[in-house]
N, C-alpha and C. Protein backbone atom coordinates (compact mmCIF):
# COMPACT_ATOMS: atom_id res chain seq x y z
N MET A 1 0.92 -1.40 0.01
CA MET A 1 0.09 -0.02 0.14
C MET A 1 0.68 1.07 -0.05
N LEU A 2 0.77 1.31 -0.88
CA LEU A 2 1.53 2.72 -0.99
C LEU A 2 0.89 4.42 -0.69
N LEU A 3 -0.29 4.15 -0.25
CA LEU A 3 -0.82 5.52 -0.48
C LEU A 3 -1.80 5.09 1.30
N ASP A 4 -1.21 5.84 1.96
CA ASP A 4 -1.47 5.50 3.48
C ASP A 4 -1.91 6.95 3.79
N ILE A 5 -3.50 7.08 4.26
CA ILE A 5 -4.00 7.96 4.21
C ILE A 5 -4.70 7.84 5.93
N ASN A 6 -3.97 8.94 6.42
CA ASN A 6 -4.27 8.98 7.74
C ASN A 6 -5.64 10.41 8.21
N PRO A 7 -6.33 10.37 8.92
CA PRO A 7 -6.95 11.37 8.94
C PRO A 7 -6.82 12.76 9.93
N LEU A 8 -5.98 12.30 10.78
CA LEU A 8 -5.27 13.22 11.38
C LEU A 8 -3.56 14.02 11.10
N VAL A 9 -3.57 13.80 9.63
CA VAL A 9 -2.36 14.80 9.44
C VAL A 9 -2.85 16.18 8.74
N LEU A 10 -2.73 16.64 9.28
CA LEU A 10 -2.49 18.38 9.40
C LEU A 10 -1.90 18.83 8.08
N PRO A 11 -2.73 19.58 7.40
CA PRO A 11 -2.16 20.14 5.60
C PRO A 11 -0.90 21.32 5.91
N ASP A 12 -0.15 21.39 5.13
CA ASP A 12 0.81 21.79 5.30
C ASP A 12 1.08 23.37 5.61
N PRO A 13 1.52 24.09 6.65
CA PRO A 13 0.97 25.75 6.40
C PRO A 13 1.45 26.36 5.66
N GLY A 14 2.83 25.81 4.96
CA GLY A 14 3.24 27.11 3.62
C GLY A 14 2.08 27.08 2.72
N LEU A 15 1.20 25.90 2.36
CA LEU A 15 0.42 25.78 1.37
C LEU A 15 -0.99 27.00 2.08
N ILE A 16 -0.91 27.15 3.23
CA ILE A 16 -1.97 27.63 3.69
C ILE A 16 -2.01 29.13 3.91
N ILE A 17 -0.59 29.36 3.92
CA ILE A 17 -0.05 30.73 3.92
C ILE A 17 -0.38 31.60 2.85
N TRP A 18 0.07 30.72 1.51
CA TRP A 18 0.22 30.99 0.40
C TRP A 18 -1.19 30.96 -0.32
N SER A 19 -1.91 30.24 0.02
CA SER A 19 -3.30 30.03 0.08
C SER A 19 -4.15 31.48 0.15
N THR A 20 -3.90 31.57 1.11
CA THR A 20 -4.81 32.68 2.02
C THR A 20 -3.89 34.34 1.40
N LEU A 21 -2.76 34.51 1.34
CA LEU A 21 -2.39 35.27 0.49
C LEU A 21 -2.81 35.38 -0.90
N ALA A 22 -2.95 34.43 -1.68
CA ALA A 22 -3.56 34.44 -3.03
C ALA A 22 -4.94 35.34 -2.98
N PHE A 23 -5.58 34.17 -1.44
CA PHE A 23 -7.15 34.63 -1.75
C PHE A 23 -7.25 36.21 -1.45
N LEU A 24 -6.29 37.12 -0.52
CA LEU A 24 -6.55 38.33 -0.45
C LEU A 24 -6.11 39.04 -0.80
N ILE A 25 -4.96 38.85 -2.20
CA ILE A 25 -4.58 39.44 -3.13
C ILE A 25 -6.07 39.37 -4.25
N LEU A 26 -7.02 38.03 -4.23
CA LEU A 26 -7.70 38.06 -5.35
C LEU A 26 -8.92 39.47 -5.05
N ILE A 27 -9.03 39.46 -3.70
CA ILE A 27 -10.05 40.17 -2.90
C ILE A 27 -9.58 41.52 -2.91
N PHE A 28 -8.47 41.49 -2.72
CA PHE A 28 -7.92 43.39 -3.07
C PHE A 28 -8.20 43.56 -4.30
N LEU A 29 -7.65 42.76 -5.35
CA LEU A 29 -7.92 43.09 -6.59
C LEU A 29 -9.09 43.27 -7.19
N LEU A 30 -10.05 42.49 -6.66
CA LEU A 30 -11.73 42.21 -7.13
C LEU A 30 -12.46 43.73 -6.71
N GLY A 31 -11.49 43.72 -5.33
CA GLY A 31 -12.06 45.38 -4.48
C GLY A 31 -11.90 46.47 -5.40
N LYS A 32 -10.86 46.59 -5.73
CA LYS A 32 -10.09 47.22 -6.32
C LYS A 32 -10.44 48.10 -7.84
N PHE A 33 -10.88 46.71 -8.49
CA PHE A 33 -10.79 46.97 -9.85
C PHE A 33 -12.18 46.42 -10.38
N ALA A 34 -12.88 45.44 -9.65
CA ALA A 34 -14.19 44.97 -10.24
C ALA A 34 -15.31 45.06 -9.10
N TRP A 35 -14.97 45.29 -8.01
CA TRP A 35 -16.32 45.75 -6.94
C TRP A 35 -17.01 46.76 -7.43
N LYS A 36 -16.52 48.17 -7.57
CA LYS A 36 -17.09 49.34 -8.03
C LYS A 36 -18.04 48.98 -9.36
N PRO A 37 -17.40 48.53 -10.45
CA PRO A 37 -18.35 47.70 -11.23
C PRO A 37 -19.52 47.34 -11.64
N ILE A 38 -19.46 46.16 -10.85
CA ILE A 38 -20.41 45.31 -10.47
C ILE A 38 -21.38 46.18 -9.81
N MET A 39 -21.06 46.86 -8.31
CA MET A 39 -21.84 47.52 -7.68
C MET A 39 -22.60 48.38 -8.63
N LYS A 40 -21.76 49.34 -9.25
CA LYS A 40 -22.13 50.04 -10.16
C LYS A 40 -24.13 49.14 -11.51
N ALA A 41 -22.93 48.16 -11.66
CA ALA A 41 -23.99 47.72 -12.51
C ALA A 41 -25.06 46.92 -11.90
N ILE A 42 -25.19 46.69 -10.63
CA ILE A 42 -26.12 46.28 -9.94
C ILE A 42 -27.11 47.50 -9.31
N GLY A 43 -26.46 48.16 -9.18
CA GLY A 43 -27.50 49.62 -8.84
C GLY A 43 -28.29 50.11 -9.76
N GLU A 44 -27.22 50.61 -11.28
CA GLU A 44 -28.21 50.80 -12.28
C GLU A 44 -29.23 49.53 -12.75
N ARG A 45 -29.22 48.27 -12.37
CA ARG A 45 -30.17 47.35 -12.73
C ARG A 45 -31.21 47.66 -11.79
N GLU A 46 -30.97 47.76 -10.31
CA GLU A 46 -31.83 48.12 -9.34
C GLU A 46 -32.19 49.43 -9.64
N GLN A 47 -32.03 50.07 -10.17
CA GLN A 47 -32.51 51.69 -10.32
C GLN A 47 -33.69 51.44 -11.72
N GLY A 48 -32.98 50.43 -12.84
CA GLY A 48 -33.83 50.28 -13.95
C GLY A 48 -35.31 49.55 -13.15
N ILE A 49 -35.09 48.53 -12.69
CA ILE A 49 -35.98 48.11 -11.97
C ILE A 49 -36.92 48.82 -11.85
N ALA A 50 -36.61 49.40 -10.87
CA ALA A 50 -37.45 50.35 -9.52
C ALA A 50 -38.15 51.27 -10.81
N GLU A 51 -37.36 52.32 -11.68
CA GLU A 51 -38.18 52.72 -12.66
C GLU A 51 -39.33 52.02 -13.56
N ALA A 52 -38.90 50.70 -13.58
CA ALA A 52 -40.03 49.88 -14.57
C ALA A 52 -41.20 49.46 -13.65
N ILE A 53 -40.65 49.26 -12.14
CA ILE A 53 -42.04 49.01 -11.30
C ILE A 53 -42.71 50.49 -11.39
N ALA A 54 -42.17 51.41 -11.15
CA ALA A 54 -43.07 53.15 -11.09
C ALA A 54 -43.69 53.12 -12.48
N SER A 55 -42.72 52.91 -13.28
CA SER A 55 -43.75 53.15 -14.13
C SER A 55 -44.75 52.26 -14.48
N ALA A 56 -45.06 50.97 -14.16
CA ALA A 56 -45.83 50.37 -14.37
C ALA A 56 -46.95 50.68 -13.30
N GLU A 57 -46.65 50.78 -12.18
CA GLU A 57 -47.59 51.91 -10.98
C GLU A 57 -48.46 53.06 -11.86
N LYS A 58 -47.64 53.57 -12.69
CA LYS A 58 -48.24 54.79 -12.87
C LYS A 58 -49.04 54.19 -14.33
N VAL A 59 -48.76 53.64 -15.05
CA VAL A 59 -49.29 53.18 -16.35
C VAL A 59 -50.75 52.79 -15.47
N LYS A 60 -50.38 51.55 -14.86
CA LYS A 60 -52.13 51.04 -14.04
C LYS A 60 -52.83 52.01 -13.50
N ALA A 61 -52.02 53.17 -12.61
CA ALA A 61 -52.91 54.05 -12.27
C ALA A 61 -53.60 55.07 -13.29
N GLU A 62 -53.05 55.23 -14.50
CA GLU A 62 -53.61 55.77 -15.62
C GLU A 62 -54.47 54.92 -16.36
N MET A 63 -54.46 53.38 -16.06
CA MET A 63 -55.35 52.78 -16.61
C MET A 63 -56.63 52.57 -16.00
N ALA A 64 -56.75 52.85 -14.42
CA ALA A 64 -57.55 53.00 -13.54
C ALA A 64 -58.39 54.08 -13.68
N GLN A 65 -57.55 54.87 -13.87
CA GLN A 65 -58.22 56.27 -14.31
C GLN A 65 -58.95 56.62 -15.45
N LEU A 66 -58.32 55.98 -16.31
CA LEU A 66 -59.33 55.86 -17.60
C LEU A 66 -60.36 55.08 -17.58
N LYS A 67 -60.17 53.78 -16.97
CA LYS A 67 -61.49 53.09 -16.70
C LYS A 67 -62.73 53.55 -16.30
N ASN A 68 -61.90 54.46 -14.70
CA ASN A 68 -63.05 55.28 -14.40
C ASN A 68 -63.67 56.43 -15.06
N GLU A 69 -62.94 57.35 -15.87
CA GLU A 69 -63.55 58.14 -16.99
C GLU A 69 -64.24 58.04 -17.69
N ASN A 70 -64.07 56.19 -18.17
CA ASN A 70 -65.07 55.57 -19.52
C ASN A 70 -65.86 55.23 -18.79
N GLU A 71 -66.33 54.79 -17.42
CA GLU A 71 -67.51 54.26 -16.62
C GLU A 71 -68.22 55.38 -16.45
N ALA A 72 -67.31 56.67 -15.87
CA ALA A 72 -68.05 58.07 -16.05
C ALA A 72 -68.66 58.36 -17.46
N LEU A 73 -68.05 58.30 -18.32
CA LEU A 73 -69.00 59.03 -19.96
C LEU A 73 -69.76 57.30 -19.96
N LEU A 74 -69.32 56.62 -19.92
CA LEU A 74 -70.69 55.46 -20.05
C LEU A 74 -72.18 55.54 -19.42
N ALA A 75 -71.82 56.15 -17.94
CA ALA A 75 -73.11 56.72 -17.39
C ALA A 75 -73.56 57.96 -17.77
N LYS A 76 -72.66 58.81 -18.04
CA LYS A 76 -73.26 59.90 -18.72
C LYS A 76 -74.14 59.67 -20.28
N ALA A 77 -73.23 59.12 -20.78
CA ALA A 77 -74.33 58.41 -21.80
C ALA A 77 -75.59 57.85 -21.70
N ARG A 78 -75.71 56.71 -20.70
CA ARG A 78 -76.80 56.19 -20.48
C ARG A 78 -77.87 57.23 -20.13
N GLU A 79 -77.23 58.09 -18.94
CA GLU A 79 -78.45 59.56 -18.76
C GLU A 79 -78.57 59.86 -19.88
N GLU A 80 -77.96 60.49 -20.82
CA GLU A 80 -78.72 61.05 -21.34
C GLU A 80 -79.22 60.40 -22.68
N ARG A 81 -78.92 59.28 -22.91
CA ARG A 81 -79.69 58.24 -23.96
C ARG A 81 -81.40 58.18 -23.08
N ALA A 82 -81.14 58.00 -21.93
CA ALA A 82 -82.50 57.57 -21.01
C ALA A 82 -83.52 59.41 -21.44
N VAL A 83 -82.70 60.52 -21.32
CA VAL A 83 -83.54 61.75 -21.51
C VAL A 83 -83.49 61.91 -22.62
N LEU A 84 -83.30 61.57 -23.68
CA LEU A 84 -83.36 61.76 -25.04
C LEU A 84 -84.55 60.84 -25.22
N ILE A 85 -84.50 59.17 -24.83
CA ILE A 85 -85.62 58.73 -24.80
C ILE A 85 -86.87 59.14 -24.22
N LYS A 86 -86.82 59.77 -23.28
CA LYS A 86 -87.63 60.60 -22.55
C LYS A 86 -88.51 61.44 -23.16
N GLU A 87 -87.55 62.24 -23.79
CA GLU A 87 -88.13 63.47 -24.50
C GLU A 87 -88.84 62.80 -26.08
N ALA A 88 -88.28 62.53 -26.57
CA ALA A 88 -88.80 61.78 -27.58
C ALA A 88 -90.02 61.28 -27.47
N LYS A 89 -90.34 60.31 -26.15
CA LYS A 89 -91.84 59.87 -25.76
C LYS A 89 -92.43 60.95 -25.63
N GLU A 90 -92.36 61.92 -24.81
CA GLU A 90 -93.05 63.13 -24.66
C GLU A 90 -93.49 63.94 -25.84
N THR A 91 -92.63 63.91 -26.59
CA THR A 91 -92.94 65.23 -27.53
C THR A 91 -93.98 63.94 -28.36
N SER A 92 -93.82 62.33 -28.86
CA SER A 92 -94.49 61.68 -29.11
C SER A 92 -96.01 61.96 -28.77
N ASP A 93 -95.94 61.52 -27.47
CA ASP A 93 -97.56 61.70 -26.50
C ASP A 93 -97.94 63.19 -27.15
N LYS A 94 -97.37 64.26 -26.70
CA LYS A 94 -97.73 65.46 -26.99
C LYS A 94 -98.40 65.79 -28.19
N MET A 95 -97.38 64.93 -29.61
CA MET A 95 -97.83 64.73 -30.79
C MET A 95 -99.19 64.46 -30.98
N VAL A 96 -99.69 63.08 -30.47
CA VAL A 96 -100.78 62.65 -30.49
C VAL A 96 -102.13 62.97 -29.82
N ALA A 97 -101.76 64.01 -28.36
CA ALA A 97 -102.65 64.62 -28.08
C ALA A 97 -102.79 65.67 -28.98
N GLU A 98 -102.21 66.10 -29.36
CA GLU A 98 -102.64 66.96 -30.64
C GLU A 98 -103.29 66.91 -31.18
N ALA A 99 -102.82 65.85 -31.69
CA ALA A 99 -103.86 65.21 -33.33
C ALA A 99 -104.94 64.67 -32.89
N ARG A 100 -105.09 64.69 -31.73
CA ARG A 100 -106.69 63.66 -31.33
C ARG A 100 -106.90 65.37 -30.66
N ALA A 101 -106.83 66.15 -30.40
CA ALA A 101 -107.46 67.08 -29.85
C ALA A 101 -108.15 67.73 -31.31
N LYS A 102 -107.08 67.82 -32.35
CA LYS A 102 -107.20 68.36 -33.46
C LYS A 102 -108.21 67.70 -34.18
N ALA A 103 -108.40 66.15 -34.16
CA ALA A 103 -109.36 65.39 -35.03
C ALA A 103 -110.50 65.65 -34.17
N LYS A 104 -110.75 65.86 -32.86
CA LYS A 104 -112.03 66.49 -32.06
C LYS A 104 -112.55 67.67 -32.33
N SER A 105 -111.66 67.99 -32.37
CA SER A 105 -112.27 70.05 -32.89
C SER A 105 -112.83 69.90 -34.00
N GLU A 106 -112.25 69.52 -34.96
CA GLU A 106 -112.87 68.76 -36.42
C GLU A 106 -114.06 68.20 -36.65
N TYR A 107 -114.25 67.53 -36.33
CA TYR A 107 -115.37 66.46 -35.46
C TYR A 107 -116.61 67.42 -35.11
N ASP A 108 -116.13 68.29 -33.97
CA ASP A 108 -116.88 68.97 -33.48
C ASP A 108 -117.61 69.73 -34.44
N ARG A 109 -116.68 70.76 -34.88
CA ARG A 109 -116.81 71.88 -36.04
C ARG A 109 -117.83 71.04 -37.39
N ILE A 110 -117.35 69.90 -38.08
CA ILE A 110 -118.06 69.21 -38.81
C ILE A 110 -119.31 68.74 -38.35
N LEU A 111 -119.65 68.27 -37.05
CA LEU A 111 -120.82 68.43 -36.41
C LEU A 111 -121.69 69.54 -36.50
N ALA A 112 -121.29 70.20 -35.96
CA ALA A 112 -121.86 71.59 -35.89
C ALA A 112 -122.78 72.30 -37.38
N ASP A 113 -121.53 72.27 -38.15
CA ASP A 113 -121.93 71.88 -39.48
C ASP A 113 -122.78 71.47 -40.26
N ALA A 114 -123.02 70.52 -40.08
CA ALA A 114 -124.10 69.65 -40.69
C ALA A 114 -125.25 69.87 -39.73
N GLN A 115 -125.39 69.76 -38.15
CA GLN A 115 -126.72 70.29 -37.65
C GLN A 115 -127.00 71.29 -38.09
N SER A 116 -126.07 72.64 -38.47
CA SER A 116 -126.84 73.83 -38.55
C SER A 116 -127.30 73.99 -40.32
N ALA A 117 -126.55 73.09 -40.98
CA ALA A 117 -127.02 72.87 -42.20
C ALA A 117 -128.35 72.13 -42.24
N ILE A 118 -128.59 71.00 -41.32
CA ILE A 118 -129.63 69.91 -41.14
C ILE A 118 -130.90 71.16 -41.02
N GLU A 119 -130.83 71.96 -39.57
CA GLU A 119 -131.57 72.86 -38.87
C GLU A 119 -132.41 73.92 -40.07
N GLN A 120 -131.16 74.43 -40.87
CA GLN A 120 -131.28 75.47 -42.07
C GLN A 120 -132.45 74.71 -43.04
N GLN A 121 -131.93 73.47 -43.57
CA GLN A 121 -132.72 72.91 -44.26
C GLN A 121 -134.14 72.74 -43.77
N LYS A 122 -134.36 72.35 -42.42
CA LYS A 122 -135.27 72.04 -41.74
C LYS A 122 -136.62 72.97 -42.21
N ASN A 123 -135.70 74.49 -41.31
CA ASN A 123 -136.20 75.78 -41.44
C ASN A 123 -136.50 75.82 -43.21
N ALA A 124 -136.21 75.69 -44.33
CA ALA A 124 -136.39 76.28 -45.48
C ALA A 124 -137.52 75.52 -45.79
N ALA A 125 -137.66 73.93 -45.45
CA ALA A 125 -138.65 72.95 -45.81
C ALA A 125 -139.59 73.53 -44.99
N ILE A 126 -139.87 73.91 -43.92
CA ILE A 126 -140.94 74.55 -43.03
C ILE A 126 -141.55 75.33 -43.57
N THR A 127 -140.72 76.36 -44.05
CA THR A 127 -141.21 77.66 -44.53
C THR A 127 -141.97 77.48 -45.77
N ASP A 128 -141.44 76.64 -46.62
CA ASP A 128 -141.64 75.94 -47.84
C ASP A 128 -143.26 75.27 -48.13
N VAL A 129 -143.43 74.57 -46.76
CA VAL A 129 -144.58 74.02 -46.23
C VAL A 129 -145.37 74.84 -45.80
N LYS A 130 -145.07 75.84 -44.95
CA LYS A 130 -145.86 77.22 -44.76
C LYS A 130 -146.78 78.06 -45.70
N ASN A 131 -145.95 78.26 -46.51
CA ASN A 131 -145.96 78.56 -47.82
C ASN A 131 -146.96 77.69 -48.63
N GLN A 132 -146.88 77.07 -49.27
CA GLN A 132 -147.61 76.02 -49.52
C GLN A 132 -148.83 75.75 -48.95
N VAL A 133 -149.00 75.71 -47.72
CA VAL A 133 -150.05 75.61 -47.09
C VAL A 133 -150.71 76.99 -47.06
N GLY A 134 -150.35 78.12 -46.85
CA GLY A 134 -150.56 79.32 -47.09
C GLY A 134 -151.60 79.28 -48.33
N ASN A 135 -150.90 79.08 -49.26
CA ASN A 135 -151.38 79.53 -50.86
C ASN A 135 -152.48 78.57 -50.76
N LEU A 136 -152.53 77.42 -50.30
CA LEU A 136 -153.69 76.38 -50.22
C LEU A 136 -154.65 76.84 -49.81
N VAL A 137 -154.47 77.48 -48.34
CA VAL A 137 -155.76 78.06 -47.29
C VAL A 137 -156.24 79.45 -48.35
N ILE A 138 -155.08 79.79 -48.86
CA ILE A 138 -155.75 81.22 -49.59
C ILE A 138 -156.44 80.63 -50.72
N GLU A 139 -156.54 79.55 -51.53
CA GLU A 139 -157.21 79.51 -52.68
C GLU A 139 -158.43 78.78 -52.06
N VAL A 140 -158.10 77.76 -51.31
CA VAL A 140 -159.83 77.83 -50.82
C VAL A 140 -160.39 78.36 -50.08
N ALA A 141 -159.76 78.99 -49.32
CA ALA A 141 -160.93 80.54 -48.88
C ALA A 141 -161.19 81.38 -49.98
N GLU A 142 -160.38 81.06 -50.99
CA GLU A 142 -160.82 82.15 -52.14
C GLU A 142 -162.19 81.62 -52.65
N LYS A 143 -161.94 80.25 -53.14
CA LYS A 143 -162.93 79.59 -53.89
C LYS A 143 -164.52 79.40 -53.00
N VAL A 144 -163.85 79.31 -51.47
CA VAL A 144 -165.15 79.03 -50.52
C VAL A 144 -165.94 80.47 -50.29
N LEU A 145 -165.34 81.75 -50.48
CA LEU A 145 -165.63 82.79 -50.38
C LEU A 145 -166.42 83.15 -51.39
N ARG A 146 -166.25 83.25 -52.82
CA ARG A 146 -166.63 83.36 -53.81
C ARG A 146 -167.93 82.53 -54.01
N LYS A 147 -167.77 80.69 -53.59
CA LYS A 147 -169.14 80.34 -53.76
C LYS A 147 -170.26 81.17 -52.72
N GLU A 148 -169.86 81.36 -51.33
CA GLU A 148 -170.80 81.75 -50.73
C GLU A 148 -171.54 83.24 -50.80
N LEU A 149 -170.05 84.56 -51.24
CA LEU A 149 -170.34 85.63 -51.19
C LEU A 149 -170.76 85.88 -52.97
N SER A 150 -171.41 84.22 -53.72
CA SER A 150 -171.88 84.91 -54.84
C SER A 150 -173.20 86.02 -55.26
N ASN A 151 -173.94 86.33 -53.93
CA ASN A 151 -174.61 87.34 -53.71
C ASN A 151 -174.32 88.22 -53.44
N ARG A 152 -174.92 89.85 -54.02
CA ARG A 152 -174.40 91.07 -52.91
C ARG A 152 -174.93 91.27 -51.63
N ALA A 153 -175.80 90.72 -51.23
CA ALA A 153 -176.64 90.79 -49.90
C ALA A 153 -175.51 90.39 -48.88
N ALA A 154 -175.28 88.83 -49.02
CA ALA A 154 -174.40 88.12 -48.20
C ALA A 154 -173.33 88.62 -48.00
N GLN A 155 -172.60 88.98 -49.06
CA GLN A 155 -171.41 89.46 -48.83
C GLN A 155 -171.18 90.91 -48.06
N GLU A 156 -171.98 91.77 -48.12
CA GLU A 156 -172.33 93.20 -47.49
C GLU A 156 -172.38 92.98 -46.15
N GLY A 157 -173.47 91.41 -45.69
CA GLY A 157 -173.14 91.05 -44.14
C GLY A 157 -172.19 90.70 -44.37
N TYR A 158 -171.49 90.21 -44.61
CA TYR A 158 -169.93 89.15 -44.30
C TYR A 158 -168.89 90.05 -44.18
N ILE A 159 -169.09 91.37 -44.52
CA ILE A 159 -168.32 92.06 -44.46
C ILE A 159 -168.31 93.19 -43.37
N LYS A 160 -169.87 93.54 -43.04
CA LYS A 160 -170.08 93.96 -41.75
C LYS A 160 -169.85 93.48 -40.78
N GLU A 161 -169.63 92.06 -40.62
CA GLU A 161 -169.38 90.91 -39.59
C GLU A 161 -167.92 91.13 -39.08
N LEU A 162 -167.42 90.94 -40.26
CA LEU A 162 -165.93 91.24 -40.13
C LEU A 162 -165.29 92.37 -39.23
N ALA A 163 -166.06 93.66 -40.07
CA ALA A 163 -165.88 94.85 -39.47
C ALA A 163 -165.75 94.85 -38.29
N ASP A 164 -167.15 94.54 -37.61
CA ASP A 164 -167.15 94.31 -36.59
C ASP A 164 -166.46 93.92 -35.41
N GLY A 165 -165.77 92.59 -35.71
CA GLY A 165 -164.73 91.68 -35.06
C GLY A 165 -163.33 92.29 -34.90
N VAL A 166 -163.21 93.39 -35.60
CA VAL A 166 -161.81 94.16 -36.03
C VAL A 166 -161.79 94.77 -34.90
N LYS A 167 -160.80 95.15 -34.02
CA LYS A 167 -160.53 95.80 -32.38
C LYS A 167 -159.79 96.89 -33.10
N LEU A 168 -160.48 98.41 -32.88
CA LEU A 168 -159.33 99.42 -33.57
C LEU A 168 -158.18 99.85 -32.17
N ASN A 169 -157.57 100.32 -32.43
CA ASN A 169 -156.65 100.99 -31.27
C ASN A 169 -157.07 102.27 -30.96
């Protein structure tokens, strides 16, 4: 057996010193030349991330504001639509009521005109009938009087009788 491994064997002290010295030089060189650029890159990265988060938050807030504005505009548009529909309905109802009132007025006027025309025609017919009856009465009376008053003495007696029946003021 060539290799005898003893767990209690300590490493070489020179190796420890040179390894420690190399490590310290490495740390010094990294701190002098690499640490600042690495920290700067990390800082820039953090700042970029923070700016991106802030920008995202700002965009999120703007989106929420736009959403609220859109909802407000939609609500306003709905209200305006409801008002327009209400006004249109009121206008329609008003037009229908006006048309009904006009039709009723026209109906009443036509009815009154018809009643007036009927009354005029009735009065004209009554007047015509009265005139015809009057003419017939005069003709009949004339014939009756001619027949009864054919003699002169009877005619004078009848005139005297009529004269006595007339009252003078």
